[in-house]
Amino acid sequence: MIDKYGEEFKAIVLKHLQEECSEAEWARLRALKDRQSPFEHETAERERRAVVTREQLVQAALTDEGIPLGEFRSTFNNKEIEIDKLDGEPVYYFKNKGIYAWAPSNNANCHLSIWVTHPAYPPGW
């Protein structure tokens, strides 16, 4: 069900990245991509080299998170901003983390996300 919103979500995120994310913020978050995680998948190193532009990031980093958005938001003390709406629900950006997130409802069992630090975990994860 949530997959059908992927393209619209990516378009909203890309627009925000292009219009609202400064070069300094983009550089800061993308520099974090080189941190490694013990849970990294085998394609992470290839993705670090392949993702250079905002467009490439949006295409590579879309994930379906298996956690309700409300629970995810509370993990970061609800310090997100609403950047747009998708199907009547807010699309959020966690500025200092570089995380975009959306769900069809706050209590849905999963949500879509894009991490600007992809493939590494966002700061504070």
PDB file of N, CA and C in Angstrom:
ATOM      1  N   MET A   1       0.804  -1.196   0.000  1.00  0.00           N
ATOM      2  CA  MET A   1       0.000   0.000   0.000  1.00  0.00           C
ATOM      3  C   MET A   1       0.853   1.268   0.000  1.00  0.00           C
ATOM      4  N   ILE A   2       1.853   1.316   0.851  1.00  0.00           N
ATOM      5  CA  ILE A   2       2.674   2.522   0.983  1.00  0.00           C
ATOM      6  C   ILE A   2       3.573   2.733  -0.235  1.00  0.00           C
ATOM      7  N   ASP A   3       3.913   1.653  -0.931  1.00  0.00           N
ATOM      8  CA  ASP A   3       4.798   1.739  -2.092  1.00  0.00           C
ATOM      9  C   ASP A   3       4.244   2.636  -3.194  1.00  0.00           C
ATOM     10  N   LYS A   4       2.937   2.703  -3.310  1.00  0.00           N
ATOM     11  CA  LYS A   4       2.354   3.503  -4.390  1.00  0.00           C
ATOM     12  C   LYS A   4       2.626   4.995  -4.218  1.00  0.00           C
ATOM     13  N   TYR A   5       3.079   5.406  -3.046  1.00  0.00           N
ATOM     14  CA  TYR A   5       3.382   6.810  -2.781  1.00  0.00           C
ATOM     15  C   TYR A   5       4.861   7.155  -2.982  1.00  0.00           C
ATOM     16  N   GLY A   6       5.680   6.181  -3.303  1.00  0.00           N
ATOM     17  CA  GLY A   6       7.117   6.387  -3.386  1.00  0.00           C
ATOM     18  C   GLY A   6       7.543   7.483  -4.341  1.00  0.00           C
ATOM     19  N   GLU A   7       6.994   7.495  -5.539  1.00  0.00           N
ATOM     20  CA  GLU A   7       7.412   8.490  -6.535  1.00  0.00           C
ATOM     21  C   GLU A   7       7.018   9.901  -6.116  1.00  0.00           C
ATOM     22  N   GLU A   8       5.815  10.055  -5.577  1.00  0.00           N
ATOM     23  CA  GLU A   8       5.379  11.373  -5.105  1.00  0.00           C
ATOM     24  C   GLU A   8       6.239  11.850  -3.940  1.00  0.00           C
ATOM     25  N   PHE A   9       6.544  10.945  -3.021  1.00  0.00           N
ATOM     26  CA  PHE A   9       7.387  11.274  -1.878  1.00  0.00           C
ATOM     27  C   PHE A   9       8.772  11.716  -2.360  1.00  0.00           C
ATOM     28  N   LYS A  10       9.353  10.980  -3.291  1.00  0.00           N
ATOM     29  CA  LYS A  10      10.667  11.342  -3.821  1.00  0.00           C
ATOM     30  C   LYS A  10      10.636  12.723  -4.475  1.00  0.00           C
ATOM     31  N   ALA A  11       9.570  13.041  -5.185  1.00  0.00           N
ATOM     32  CA  ALA A  11       9.461  14.351  -5.844  1.00  0.00           C
ATOM     33  C   ALA A  11       9.420  15.482  -4.810  1.00  0.00           C
ATOM     34  N   ILE A  12       8.694  15.276  -3.725  1.00  0.00           N
ATOM     35  CA  ILE A  12       8.619  16.283  -2.660  1.00  0.00           C
ATOM     36  C   ILE A  12       9.982  16.472  -2.008  1.00  0.00           C
ATOM     37  N   VAL A  13      10.654  15.377  -1.723  1.00  0.00           N
ATOM     38  CA  VAL A  13      11.979  15.442  -1.094  1.00  0.00           C
ATOM     39  C   VAL A  13      12.970  16.139  -2.021  1.00  0.00           C
ATOM     40  N   LEU A  14      12.970  15.769  -3.293  1.00  0.00           N
ATOM     41  CA  LEU A  14      13.899  16.380  -4.243  1.00  0.00           C
ATOM     42  C   LEU A  14      13.668  17.884  -4.340  1.00  0.00           C
ATOM     43  N   LYS A  15      12.419  18.292  -4.404  1.00  0.00           N
ATOM     44  CA  LYS A  15      12.104  19.725  -4.468  1.00  0.00           C
ATOM     45  C   LYS A  15      12.662  20.437  -3.239  1.00  0.00           C
ATOM     46  N   HIS A  16      12.473  19.857  -2.067  1.00  0.00           N
ATOM     47  CA  HIS A  16      12.980  20.471  -0.840  1.00  0.00           C
ATOM     48  C   HIS A  16      14.507  20.519  -0.855  1.00  0.00           C
ATOM     49  N   LEU A  17      15.137  19.447  -1.271  1.00  0.00           N
ATOM     50  CA  LEU A  17      16.603  19.420  -1.337  1.00  0.00           C
ATOM     51  C   LEU A  17      17.141  20.484  -2.298  1.00  0.00           C
ATOM     52  N   GLN A  18      16.467  20.669  -3.411  1.00  0.00           N
ATOM     53  CA  GLN A  18      16.925  21.624  -4.408  1.00  0.00           C
ATOM     54  C   GLN A  18      16.671  23.073  -4.008  1.00  0.00           C
ATOM     55  N   GLU A  19      15.553  23.316  -3.330  1.00  0.00           N
ATOM     56  CA  GLU A  19      15.165  24.690  -3.038  1.00  0.00           C
ATOM     57  C   GLU A  19      15.504  25.157  -1.626  1.00  0.00           C
ATOM     58  N   GLU A  20      15.586  24.241  -0.670  1.00  0.00           N
ATOM     59  CA  GLU A  20      15.735  24.648   0.730  1.00  0.00           C
ATOM     60  C   GLU A  20      17.024  24.178   1.404  1.00  0.00           C
ATOM     61  N   CYS A  21      17.672  23.188   0.859  1.00  0.00           N
ATOM     62  CA  CYS A  21      18.884  22.647   1.477  1.00  0.00           C
ATOM     63  C   CYS A  21      20.103  23.386   0.927  1.00  0.00           C
ATOM     64  N   SER A  22      20.761  24.159   1.777  1.00  0.00           N
ATOM     65  CA  SER A  22      21.916  24.938   1.337  1.00  0.00           C
ATOM     66  C   SER A  22      23.061  24.005   0.936  1.00  0.00           C
ATOM     67  N   GLU A  23      23.998  24.562   0.179  1.00  0.00           N
ATOM     68  CA  GLU A  23      25.176  23.786  -0.205  1.00  0.00           C
ATOM     69  C   GLU A  23      25.959  23.345   1.029  1.00  0.00           C
ATOM     70  N   ALA A  24      26.043  24.214   2.034  1.00  0.00           N
ATOM     71  CA  ALA A  24      26.772  23.875   3.266  1.00  0.00           C
ATOM     72  C   ALA A  24      26.088  22.720   4.001  1.00  0.00           C
ATOM     73  N   GLU A  25      24.770  22.754   4.088  1.00  0.00           N
ATOM     74  CA  GLU A  25      24.039  21.678   4.766  1.00  0.00           C
ATOM     75  C   GLU A  25      24.151  20.376   3.976  1.00  0.00           C
ATOM     76  N   TRP A  26      24.025  20.458   2.672  1.00  0.00           N
ATOM     77  CA  TRP A  26      24.179  19.285   1.804  1.00  0.00           C
ATOM     78  C   TRP A  26      25.570  18.669   2.002  1.00  0.00           C
ATOM     79  N   ALA A  27      26.597  19.498   1.985  1.00  0.00           N
ATOM     80  CA  ALA A  27      27.973  19.008   2.148  1.00  0.00           C
ATOM     81  C   ALA A  27      28.172  18.382   3.531  1.00  0.00           C
ATOM     82  N   ARG A  28      27.630  19.006   4.557  1.00  0.00           N
ATOM     83  CA  ARG A  28      27.771  18.472   5.923  1.00  0.00           C
ATOM     84  C   ARG A  28      27.131  17.088   6.034  1.00  0.00           C
ATOM     85  N   LEU A  29      25.917  16.958   5.547  1.00  0.00           N
ATOM     86  CA  LEU A  29      25.216  15.680   5.655  1.00  0.00           C
ATOM     87  C   LEU A  29      25.829  14.613   4.752  1.00  0.00           C
ATOM     88  N   ARG A  30      26.227  14.986   3.552  1.00  0.00           N
ATOM     89  CA  ARG A  30      26.817  13.999   2.636  1.00  0.00           C
ATOM     90  C   ARG A  30      28.197  13.551   3.119  1.00  0.00           C
ATOM     91  N   ALA A  31      28.906  14.393   3.849  1.00  0.00           N
ATOM     92  CA  ALA A  31      30.203  13.979   4.398  1.00  0.00           C
ATOM     93  C   ALA A  31      30.024  12.821   5.375  1.00  0.00           C
ATOM     94  N   LEU A  32      28.865  12.731   5.991  1.00  0.00           N
ATOM     95  CA  LEU A  32      28.597  11.662   6.956  1.00  0.00           C
ATOM     96  C   LEU A  32      28.379  10.308   6.286  1.00  0.00           C
ATOM     97  N   LYS A  33      28.174  10.304   4.984  1.00  0.00           N
ATOM     98  CA  LYS A  33      27.923   9.053   4.258  1.00  0.00           C
ATOM     99  C   LYS A  33      29.079   8.075   4.375  1.00  0.00           C
ATOM    100  N   ASP A  34      30.265   8.572   4.667  1.00  0.00           N
ATOM    101  CA  ASP A  34      31.447   7.718   4.727  1.00  0.00           C
ATOM    102  C   ASP A  34      31.603   6.965   6.036  1.00  0.00           C
ATOM    103  N   ARG A  35      30.779   7.296   7.025  1.00  0.00           N
ATOM    104  CA  ARG A  35      30.824   6.527   8.270  1.00  0.00           C
ATOM    105  C   ARG A  35      30.283   5.132   7.986  1.00  0.00           C
ATOM    106  N   GLN A  36      30.889   4.138   8.567  1.00  0.00           N
ATOM    107  CA  GLN A  36      30.437   2.769   8.332  1.00  0.00           C
ATOM    108  C   GLN A  36      29.671   2.244   9.532  1.00  0.00           C
ATOM    109  N   SER A  37      28.764   1.361   9.250  1.00  0.00           N
ATOM    110  CA  SER A  37      27.951   0.718  10.270  1.00  0.00           C
ATOM    111  C   SER A  37      28.255  -0.775  10.271  1.00  0.00           C
ATOM    112  N   PRO A  38      28.207  -1.411  11.427  1.00  0.00           N
ATOM    113  CA  PRO A  38      28.413  -2.859  11.454  1.00  0.00           C
ATOM    114  C   PRO A  38      27.285  -3.620  10.757  1.00  0.00           C
ATOM    115  N   PHE A  39      26.181  -2.937  10.485  1.00  0.00           N
ATOM    116  CA  PHE A  39      25.025  -3.581   9.851  1.00  0.00           C
ATOM    117  C   PHE A  39      24.915  -3.259   8.369  1.00  0.00           C
ATOM    118  N   GLU A  40      25.957  -2.706   7.796  1.00  0.00           N
ATOM    119  CA  GLU A  40      25.949  -2.260   6.417  1.00  0.00           C
ATOM    120  C   GLU A  40      25.796  -3.418   5.435  1.00  0.00           C
ATOM    121  N   HIS A  41      25.062  -3.170   4.379  1.00  0.00           N
ATOM    122  CA  HIS A  41      24.921  -4.185   3.339  1.00  0.00           C
ATOM    123  C   HIS A  41      26.075  -4.078   2.348  1.00  0.00           C
ATOM    124  N   GLU A  42      26.227  -5.095   1.541  1.00  0.00           N
ATOM    125  CA  GLU A  42      27.400  -5.206   0.663  1.00  0.00           C
ATOM    126  C   GLU A  42      27.460  -4.148  -0.436  1.00  0.00           C
ATOM    127  N   THR A  43      26.355  -3.503  -0.747  1.00  0.00           N
ATOM    128  CA  THR A  43      26.375  -2.492  -1.805  1.00  0.00           C
ATOM    129  C   THR A  43      26.663  -1.086  -1.276  1.00  0.00           C
ATOM    130  N   ALA A  44      26.847  -0.930   0.018  1.00  0.00           N
ATOM    131  CA  ALA A  44      27.016   0.405   0.612  1.00  0.00           C
ATOM    132  C   ALA A  44      28.199   1.156   0.021  1.00  0.00           C
ATOM    133  N   GLU A  45      29.328   0.493  -0.140  1.00  0.00           N
ATOM    134  CA  GLU A  45      30.509   1.186  -0.660  1.00  0.00           C
ATOM    135  C   GLU A  45      30.271   1.669  -2.092  1.00  0.00           C
ATOM    136  N   ARG A  46      29.640   0.852  -2.889  1.00  0.00           N
ATOM    137  CA  ARG A  46      29.320   1.250  -4.267  1.00  0.00           C
ATOM    138  C   ARG A  46      28.370   2.459  -4.252  1.00  0.00           C
ATOM    139  N   GLU A  47      27.385   2.446  -3.352  1.00  0.00           N
ATOM    140  CA  GLU A  47      26.434   3.548  -3.270  1.00  0.00           C
ATOM    141  C   GLU A  47      27.105   4.831  -2.794  1.00  0.00           C
ATOM    142  N   ARG A  48      28.084   4.733  -1.924  1.00  0.00           N
ATOM    143  CA  ARG A  48      28.816   5.933  -1.479  1.00  0.00           C
ATOM    144  C   ARG A  48      29.449   6.654  -2.676  1.00  0.00           C
ATOM    145  N   ARG A  49      30.002   5.867  -3.592  1.00  0.00           N
ATOM    146  CA  ARG A  49      30.664   6.454  -4.757  1.00  0.00           C
ATOM    147  C   ARG A  49      29.657   6.896  -5.823  1.00  0.00           C
ATOM    148  N   ALA A  50      28.553   6.193  -5.962  1.00  0.00           N
ATOM    149  CA  ALA A  50      27.591   6.445  -7.032  1.00  0.00           C
ATOM    150  C   ALA A  50      26.681   7.642  -6.767  1.00  0.00           C
ATOM    151  N   VAL A  51      26.380   7.901  -5.514  1.00  0.00           N
ATOM    152  CA  VAL A  51      25.443   8.974  -5.190  1.00  0.00           C
ATOM    153  C   VAL A  51      26.216  10.279  -5.030  1.00  0.00           C
ATOM    154  N   VAL A  52      26.051  11.158  -6.016  1.00  0.00           N
ATOM    155  CA  VAL A  52      26.768  12.419  -6.014  1.00  0.00           C
ATOM    156  C   VAL A  52      25.799  13.603  -5.979  1.00  0.00           C
ATOM    157  N   THR A  53      24.712  13.496  -6.712  1.00  0.00           N
ATOM    158  CA  THR A  53      23.760  14.605  -6.819  1.00  0.00           C
ATOM    159  C   THR A  53      22.536  14.361  -5.946  1.00  0.00           C
ATOM    160  N   ARG A  54      21.781  15.404  -5.773  1.00  0.00           N
ATOM    161  CA  ARG A  54      20.526  15.293  -5.016  1.00  0.00           C
ATOM    162  C   ARG A  54      19.569  14.314  -5.705  1.00  0.00           C
ATOM    163  N   GLU A  55      19.522  14.359  -7.020  1.00  0.00           N
ATOM    164  CA  GLU A  55      18.648  13.456  -7.776  1.00  0.00           C
ATOM    165  C   GLU A  55      19.056  11.995  -7.557  1.00  0.00           C
ATOM    166  N   GLN A  56      20.352  11.728  -7.599  1.00  0.00           N
ATOM    167  CA  GLN A  56      20.841  10.365  -7.385  1.00  0.00           C
ATOM    168  C   GLN A  56      20.532   9.890  -5.969  1.00  0.00           C
ATOM    169  N   LEU A  57      20.666  10.784  -5.006  1.00  0.00           N
ATOM    170  CA  LEU A  57      20.363  10.420  -3.626  1.00  0.00           C
ATOM    171  C   LEU A  57      18.906   9.999  -3.482  1.00  0.00           C
ATOM    172  N   VAL A  58      18.010  10.809  -4.003  1.00  0.00           N
ATOM    173  CA  VAL A  58      16.583  10.517  -3.871  1.00  0.00           C
ATOM    174  C   VAL A  58      16.242   9.173  -4.513  1.00  0.00           C
ATOM    175  N   GLN A  59      16.850   8.883  -5.649  1.00  0.00           N
ATOM    176  CA  GLN A  59      16.590   7.604  -6.312  1.00  0.00           C
ATOM    177  C   GLN A  59      17.149   6.422  -5.524  1.00  0.00           C
ATOM    178  N   ALA A  60      18.299   6.604  -4.888  1.00  0.00           N
ATOM    179  CA  ALA A  60      18.975   5.498  -4.202  1.00  0.00           C
ATOM    180  C   ALA A  60      18.497   5.262  -2.772  1.00  0.00           C
ATOM    181  N   ALA A  61      18.017   6.299  -2.110  1.00  0.00           N
ATOM    182  CA  ALA A  61      17.854   6.217  -0.654  1.00  0.00           C
ATOM    183  C   ALA A  61      16.439   5.962  -0.152  1.00  0.00           C
ATOM    184  N   LEU A  62      15.453   5.849  -1.005  1.00  0.00           N
ATOM    185  CA  LEU A  62      14.085   5.617  -0.528  1.00  0.00           C
ATOM    186  C   LEU A  62      13.989   4.276   0.189  1.00  0.00           C
ATOM    187  N   THR A  63      13.455   4.297   1.414  1.00  0.00           N
ATOM    188  CA  THR A  63      13.246   3.060   2.158  1.00  0.00           C
ATOM    189  C   THR A  63      11.865   3.056   2.783  1.00  0.00           C
ATOM    190  N   ASP A  64      11.392   1.866   3.039  1.00  0.00           N
ATOM    191  CA  ASP A  64      10.121   1.624   3.720  1.00  0.00           C
ATOM    192  C   ASP A  64      10.481   1.146   5.121  1.00  0.00           C
ATOM    193  N   GLU A  65      10.327   2.018   6.103  1.00  0.00           N
ATOM    194  CA  GLU A  65      10.710   1.717   7.477  1.00  0.00           C
ATOM    195  C   GLU A  65       9.592   0.959   8.177  1.00  0.00           C
ATOM    196  N   GLY A  66       9.935  -0.076   8.888  1.00  0.00           N
ATOM    197  CA  GLY A  66       8.946  -0.895   9.587  1.00  0.00           C
ATOM    198  C   GLY A  66       8.646  -0.420  10.998  1.00  0.00           C
ATOM    199  N   ILE A  67       8.409   0.865  11.148  1.00  0.00           N
ATOM    200  CA  ILE A  67       8.103   1.446  12.453  1.00  0.00           C
ATOM    201  C   ILE A  67       7.060   2.544  12.235  1.00  0.00           C
ATOM    202  N   PRO A  68       6.076   2.648  13.116  1.00  0.00           N
ATOM    203  CA  PRO A  68       5.092   3.727  12.956  1.00  0.00           C
ATOM    204  C   PRO A  68       5.762   5.105  12.984  1.00  0.00           C
ATOM    205  N   LEU A  69       5.280   6.000  12.159  1.00  0.00           N
ATOM    206  CA  LEU A  69       5.873   7.334  12.063  1.00  0.00           C
ATOM    207  C   LEU A  69       5.810   8.073  13.401  1.00  0.00           C
ATOM    208  N   GLY A  70       4.728   7.922  14.126  1.00  0.00           N
ATOM    209  CA  GLY A  70       4.616   8.577  15.427  1.00  0.00           C
ATOM    210  C   GLY A  70       5.716   8.145  16.384  1.00  0.00           C
ATOM    211  N   GLU A  71       6.013   6.855  16.388  1.00  0.00           N
ATOM    212  CA  GLU A  71       7.095   6.333  17.229  1.00  0.00           C
ATOM    213  C   GLU A  71       8.446   6.845  16.747  1.00  0.00           C
ATOM    214  N   PHE A  72       8.638   6.870  15.443  1.00  0.00           N
ATOM    215  CA  PHE A  72       9.877   7.380  14.854  1.00  0.00           C
ATOM    216  C   PHE A  72      10.076   8.847  15.222  1.00  0.00           C
ATOM    217  N   ARG A  73       9.021   9.648  15.098  1.00  0.00           N
ATOM    218  CA  ARG A  73       9.106  11.077  15.427  1.00  0.00           C
ATOM    219  C   ARG A  73       9.473  11.284  16.886  1.00  0.00           C
ATOM    220  N   SER A  74       8.906  10.487  17.767  1.00  0.00           N
ATOM    221  CA  SER A  74       9.194  10.666  19.197  1.00  0.00           C
ATOM    222  C   SER A  74      10.644  10.313  19.526  1.00  0.00           C
ATOM    223  N   THR A  75      11.268   9.458  18.723  1.00  0.00           N
ATOM    224  CA  THR A  75      12.682   9.120  18.909  1.00  0.00           C
ATOM    225  C   THR A  75      13.550  10.373  18.826  1.00  0.00           C
ATOM    226  N   PHE A  76      13.144  11.301  17.994  1.00  0.00           N
ATOM    227  CA  PHE A  76      13.897  12.539  17.802  1.00  0.00           C
ATOM    228  C   PHE A  76      13.202  13.726  18.478  1.00  0.00           C
ATOM    229  N   ASN A  77      12.418  13.436  19.490  1.00  0.00           N
ATOM    230  CA  ASN A  77      11.745  14.468  20.293  1.00  0.00           C
ATOM    231  C   ASN A  77      10.854  15.386  19.467  1.00  0.00           C
ATOM    232  N   ASN A  78      10.281  14.846  18.403  1.00  0.00           N
ATOM    233  CA  ASN A  78       9.354  15.605  17.555  1.00  0.00           C
ATOM    234  C   ASN A  78       9.940  16.941  17.097  1.00  0.00           C
ATOM    235  N   LYS A  79      11.208  16.931  16.702  1.00  0.00           N
ATOM    236  CA  LYS A  79      11.878  18.167  16.266  1.00  0.00           C
ATOM    237  C   LYS A  79      11.923  18.276  14.745  1.00  0.00           C
ATOM    238  N   GLU A  80      10.900  17.802  14.098  1.00  0.00           N
ATOM    239  CA  GLU A  80      10.831  17.858  12.650  1.00  0.00           C
ATOM    240  C   GLU A  80      10.025  19.079  12.209  1.00  0.00           C
ATOM    241  N   ILE A  81      10.182  19.424  10.935  1.00  0.00           N
ATOM    242  CA  ILE A  81       9.351  20.469  10.354  1.00  0.00           C
ATOM    243  C   ILE A  81       8.527  19.848   9.234  1.00  0.00           C
ATOM    244  N   GLU A  82       7.349  20.371   9.027  1.00  0.00           N
ATOM    245  CA  GLU A  82       6.507  19.910   7.930  1.00  0.00           C
ATOM    246  C   GLU A  82       6.896  20.689   6.684  1.00  0.00           C
ATOM    247  N   ILE A  83       7.246  19.958   5.618  1.00  0.00           N
ATOM    248  CA  ILE A  83       7.679  20.634   4.390  1.00  0.00           C
ATOM    249  C   ILE A  83       6.630  20.588   3.284  1.00  0.00           C
ATOM    250  N   ASP A  84       5.664  19.681   3.404  1.00  0.00           N
ATOM    251  CA  ASP A  84       4.641  19.542   2.363  1.00  0.00           C
ATOM    252  C   ASP A  84       3.607  18.544   2.870  1.00  0.00           C
ATOM    253  N   LYS A  85       2.650  18.237   2.027  1.00  0.00           N
ATOM    254  CA  LYS A  85       1.661  17.200   2.329  1.00  0.00           C
ATOM    255  C   LYS A  85       1.622  16.212   1.175  1.00  0.00           C
ATOM    256  N   LEU A  86       1.346  14.969   1.514  1.00  0.00           N
ATOM    257  CA  LEU A  86       1.183  13.904   0.533  1.00  0.00           C
ATOM    258  C   LEU A  86      -0.060  13.130   0.937  1.00  0.00           C
ATOM    259  N   ASP A  87      -1.030  13.072   0.066  1.00  0.00           N
ATOM    260  CA  ASP A  87      -2.295  12.398   0.350  1.00  0.00           C
ATOM    261  C   ASP A  87      -2.906  12.906   1.666  1.00  0.00           C
ATOM    262  N   GLY A  88      -2.773  14.205   1.904  1.00  0.00           N
ATOM    263  CA  GLY A  88      -3.361  14.824   3.081  1.00  0.00           C
ATOM    264  C   GLY A  88      -2.570  14.691   4.373  1.00  0.00           C
ATOM    265  N   GLU A  89      -1.437  13.995   4.332  1.00  0.00           N
ATOM    266  CA  GLU A  89      -0.610  13.799   5.533  1.00  0.00           C
ATOM    267  C   GLU A  89       0.717  14.542   5.377  1.00  0.00           C
ATOM    268  N   PRO A  90       1.274  15.040   6.479  1.00  0.00           N
ATOM    269  CA  PRO A  90       2.509  15.824   6.388  1.00  0.00           C
ATOM    270  C   PRO A  90       3.736  15.012   5.994  1.00  0.00           C
ATOM    271  N   VAL A  91       4.583  15.643   5.184  1.00  0.00           N
ATOM    272  CA  VAL A  91       5.916  15.124   4.899  1.00  0.00           C
ATOM    273  C   VAL A  91       6.853  15.906   5.819  1.00  0.00           C
ATOM    274  N   TYR A  92       7.651  15.180   6.589  1.00  0.00           N
ATOM    275  CA  TYR A  92       8.509  15.805   7.588  1.00  0.00           C
ATOM    276  C   TYR A  92       9.970  15.799   7.173  1.00  0.00           C
ATOM    277  N   TYR A  93      10.681  16.819   7.668  1.00  0.00           N
ATOM    278  CA  TYR A  93      12.132  16.883   7.522  1.00  0.00           C
ATOM    279  C   TYR A  93      12.729  17.121   8.905  1.00  0.00           C
ATOM    280  N   PHE A  94      13.650  16.252   9.279  1.00  0.00           N
ATOM    281  CA  PHE A  94      14.387  16.372  10.535  1.00  0.00           C
ATOM    282  C   PHE A  94      15.713  17.038  10.163  1.00  0.00           C
ATOM    283  N   LYS A  95      15.751  18.358  10.292  1.00  0.00           N
ATOM    284  CA  LYS A  95      16.827  19.163   9.712  1.00  0.00           C
ATOM    285  C   LYS A  95      18.231  18.738  10.131  1.00  0.00           C
ATOM    286  N   ASN A  96      18.514  18.671  11.385  1.00  0.00           N
ATOM    287  CA  ASN A  96      19.881  18.359  11.812  1.00  0.00           C
ATOM    288  C   ASN A  96      20.260  16.902  11.574  1.00  0.00           C
ATOM    289  N   LYS A  97      19.282  16.088  11.283  1.00  0.00           N
ATOM    290  CA  LYS A  97      19.523  14.669  11.018  1.00  0.00           C
ATOM    291  C   LYS A  97      19.582  14.356   9.525  1.00  0.00           C
ATOM    292  N   GLY A  98      18.962  15.203   8.700  1.00  0.00           N
ATOM    293  CA  GLY A  98      18.914  14.942   7.267  1.00  0.00           C
ATOM    294  C   GLY A  98      17.965  13.812   6.914  1.00  0.00           C
ATOM    295  N   ILE A  99      16.867  13.704   7.659  1.00  0.00           N
ATOM    296  CA  ILE A  99      15.893  12.631   7.439  1.00  0.00           C
ATOM    297  C   ILE A  99      14.588  13.231   6.921  1.00  0.00           C
ATOM    298  N   TYR A 100      14.051  12.615   5.886  1.00  0.00           N
ATOM    299  CA  TYR A 100      12.714  12.932   5.386  1.00  0.00           C
ATOM    300  C   TYR A 100      11.827  11.733   5.707  1.00  0.00           C
ATOM    301  N   ALA A 101      10.579  11.992   6.120  1.00  0.00           N
ATOM    302  CA  ALA A 101       9.692  10.882   6.480  1.00  0.00           C
ATOM    303  C   ALA A 101       8.238  11.228   6.186  1.00  0.00           C
ATOM    304  N   TRP A 102       7.475  10.200   5.824  1.00  0.00           N
ATOM    305  CA  TRP A 102       6.036  10.342   5.564  1.00  0.00           C
ATOM    306  C   TRP A 102       5.352   9.000   5.785  1.00  0.00           C
ATOM    307  N   ALA A 103       4.114   9.059   6.238  1.00  0.00           N
ATOM    308  CA  ALA A 103       3.271   7.857   6.354  1.00  0.00           C
ATOM    309  C   ALA A 103       1.826   8.250   6.071  1.00  0.00           C
ATOM    310  N   PRO A 104       1.009   7.275   5.677  1.00  0.00           N
ATOM    311  CA  PRO A 104      -0.398   7.574   5.415  1.00  0.00           C
ATOM    312  C   PRO A 104      -1.150   7.975   6.688  1.00  0.00           C
ATOM    313  N   SER A 105      -0.573   7.678   7.851  1.00  0.00           N
ATOM    314  CA  SER A 105      -1.093   8.153   9.139  1.00  0.00           C
ATOM    315  C   SER A 105       0.025   8.024  10.162  1.00  0.00           C
ATOM    316  N   ASN A 106      -0.095   8.753  11.242  1.00  0.00           N
ATOM    317  CA  ASN A 106       0.935   8.742  12.283  1.00  0.00           C
ATOM    318  C   ASN A 106       1.064   7.363  12.928  1.00  0.00           C
ATOM    319  N   ASN A 107      -0.002   6.572  12.867  1.00  0.00           N
ATOM    320  CA  ASN A 107      -0.017   5.260  13.512  1.00  0.00           C
ATOM    321  C   ASN A 107       0.125   4.094  12.546  1.00  0.00           C
ATOM    322  N   ALA A 108       0.346   4.394  11.262  1.00  0.00           N
ATOM    323  CA  ALA A 108       0.542   3.316  10.283  1.00  0.00           C
ATOM    324  C   ALA A 108       1.742   2.476  10.705  1.00  0.00           C
ATOM    325  N   ASN A 109       1.735   1.201  10.365  1.00  0.00           N
ATOM    326  CA  ASN A 109       2.798   0.279  10.783  1.00  0.00           C
ATOM    327  C   ASN A 109       4.139   0.528  10.120  1.00  0.00           C
ATOM    328  N   CYS A 110       4.186   1.395   9.122  1.00  0.00           N
ATOM    329  CA  CYS A 110       5.447   1.688   8.446  1.00  0.00           C
ATOM    330  C   CYS A 110       5.399   3.102   7.884  1.00  0.00           C
ATOM    331  N   HIS A 111       6.539   3.572   7.446  1.00  0.00           N
ATOM    332  CA  HIS A 111       6.609   4.888   6.806  1.00  0.00           C
ATOM    333  C   HIS A 111       7.723   4.897   5.766  1.00  0.00           C
ATOM    334  N   LEU A 112       7.643   5.851   4.851  1.00  0.00           N
ATOM    335  CA  LEU A 112       8.692   6.046   3.857  1.00  0.00           C
ATOM    336  C   LEU A 112       9.714   7.021   4.421  1.00  0.00           C
ATOM    337  N   SER A 113      10.980   6.797   4.089  1.00  0.00           N
ATOM    338  CA  SER A 113      12.008   7.746   4.515  1.00  0.00           C
ATOM    339  C   SER A 113      13.128   7.815   3.496  1.00  0.00           C
ATOM    340  N   ILE A 114      13.823   8.936   3.541  1.00  0.00           N
ATOM    341  CA  ILE A 114      15.050   9.151   2.782  1.00  0.00           C
ATOM    342  C   ILE A 114      16.020   9.814   3.744  1.00  0.00           C
ATOM    343  N   TRP A 115      17.214   9.244   3.844  1.00  0.00           N
ATOM    344  CA  TRP A 115      18.273   9.805   4.683  1.00  0.00           C
ATOM    345  C   TRP A 115      19.295  10.458   3.773  1.00  0.00           C
ATOM    346  N   VAL A 116      19.580  11.724   3.986  1.00  0.00           N
ATOM    347  CA  VAL A 116      20.570  12.428   3.174  1.00  0.00           C
ATOM    348  C   VAL A 116      21.956  11.821   3.382  1.00  0.00           C
ATOM    349  N   THR A 117      22.180  11.182   4.506  1.00  0.00           N
ATOM    350  CA  THR A 117      23.471  10.550   4.810  1.00  0.00           C
ATOM    351  C   THR A 117      23.625   9.171   4.180  1.00  0.00           C
ATOM    352  N   HIS A 118      22.648   8.723   3.430  1.00  0.00           N
ATOM    353  CA  HIS A 118      22.641   7.398   2.808  1.00  0.00           C
ATOM    354  C   HIS A 118      23.990   7.081   2.160  1.00  0.00           C
ATOM    355  N   PRO A 119      24.541   5.890   2.355  1.00  0.00           N
ATOM    356  CA  PRO A 119      23.991   4.729   3.030  1.00  0.00           C
ATOM    357  C   PRO A 119      24.300   4.664   4.535  1.00  0.00           C
ATOM    358  N   ALA A 120      24.946   5.673   5.078  1.00  0.00           N
ATOM    359  CA  ALA A 120      25.255   5.664   6.526  1.00  0.00           C
ATOM    360  C   ALA A 120      24.029   6.111   7.321  1.00  0.00           C
ATOM    361  N   TYR A 121      24.048   5.765   8.595  1.00  0.00           N
ATOM    362  CA  TYR A 121      22.983   6.212   9.493  1.00  0.00           C
ATOM    363  C   TYR A 121      23.074   7.708   9.715  1.00  0.00           C
ATOM    364  N   PRO A 122      21.934   8.359   9.934  1.00  0.00           N
ATOM    365  CA  PRO A 122      21.939   9.791  10.239  1.00  0.00           C
ATOM    366  C   PRO A 122      22.610  10.071  11.585  1.00  0.00           C
ATOM    367  N   PRO A 123      23.003  11.317  11.831  1.00  0.00           N
ATOM    368  CA  PRO A 123      23.612  11.663  13.117  1.00  0.00           C
ATOM    369  C   PRO A 123      22.657  11.338  14.268  1.00  0.00           C
ATOM    370  N   GLY A 124      23.213  10.808  15.326  1.00  0.00           N
ATOM    371  CA  GLY A 124      22.412  10.486  16.503  1.00  0.00           C
ATOM    372  C   GLY A 124      21.649   9.182  16.414  1.00  0.00           C
ATOM    373  N   TRP A 125      21.871   8.422  15.358  1.00  0.00           N
ATOM    374  CA  TRP A 125      21.137   7.158  15.197  1.00  0.00           C
ATOM    375  C   TRP A 125      21.706   6.094  16.082  1.00  0.00           C
TER     376      TRP A 125
END
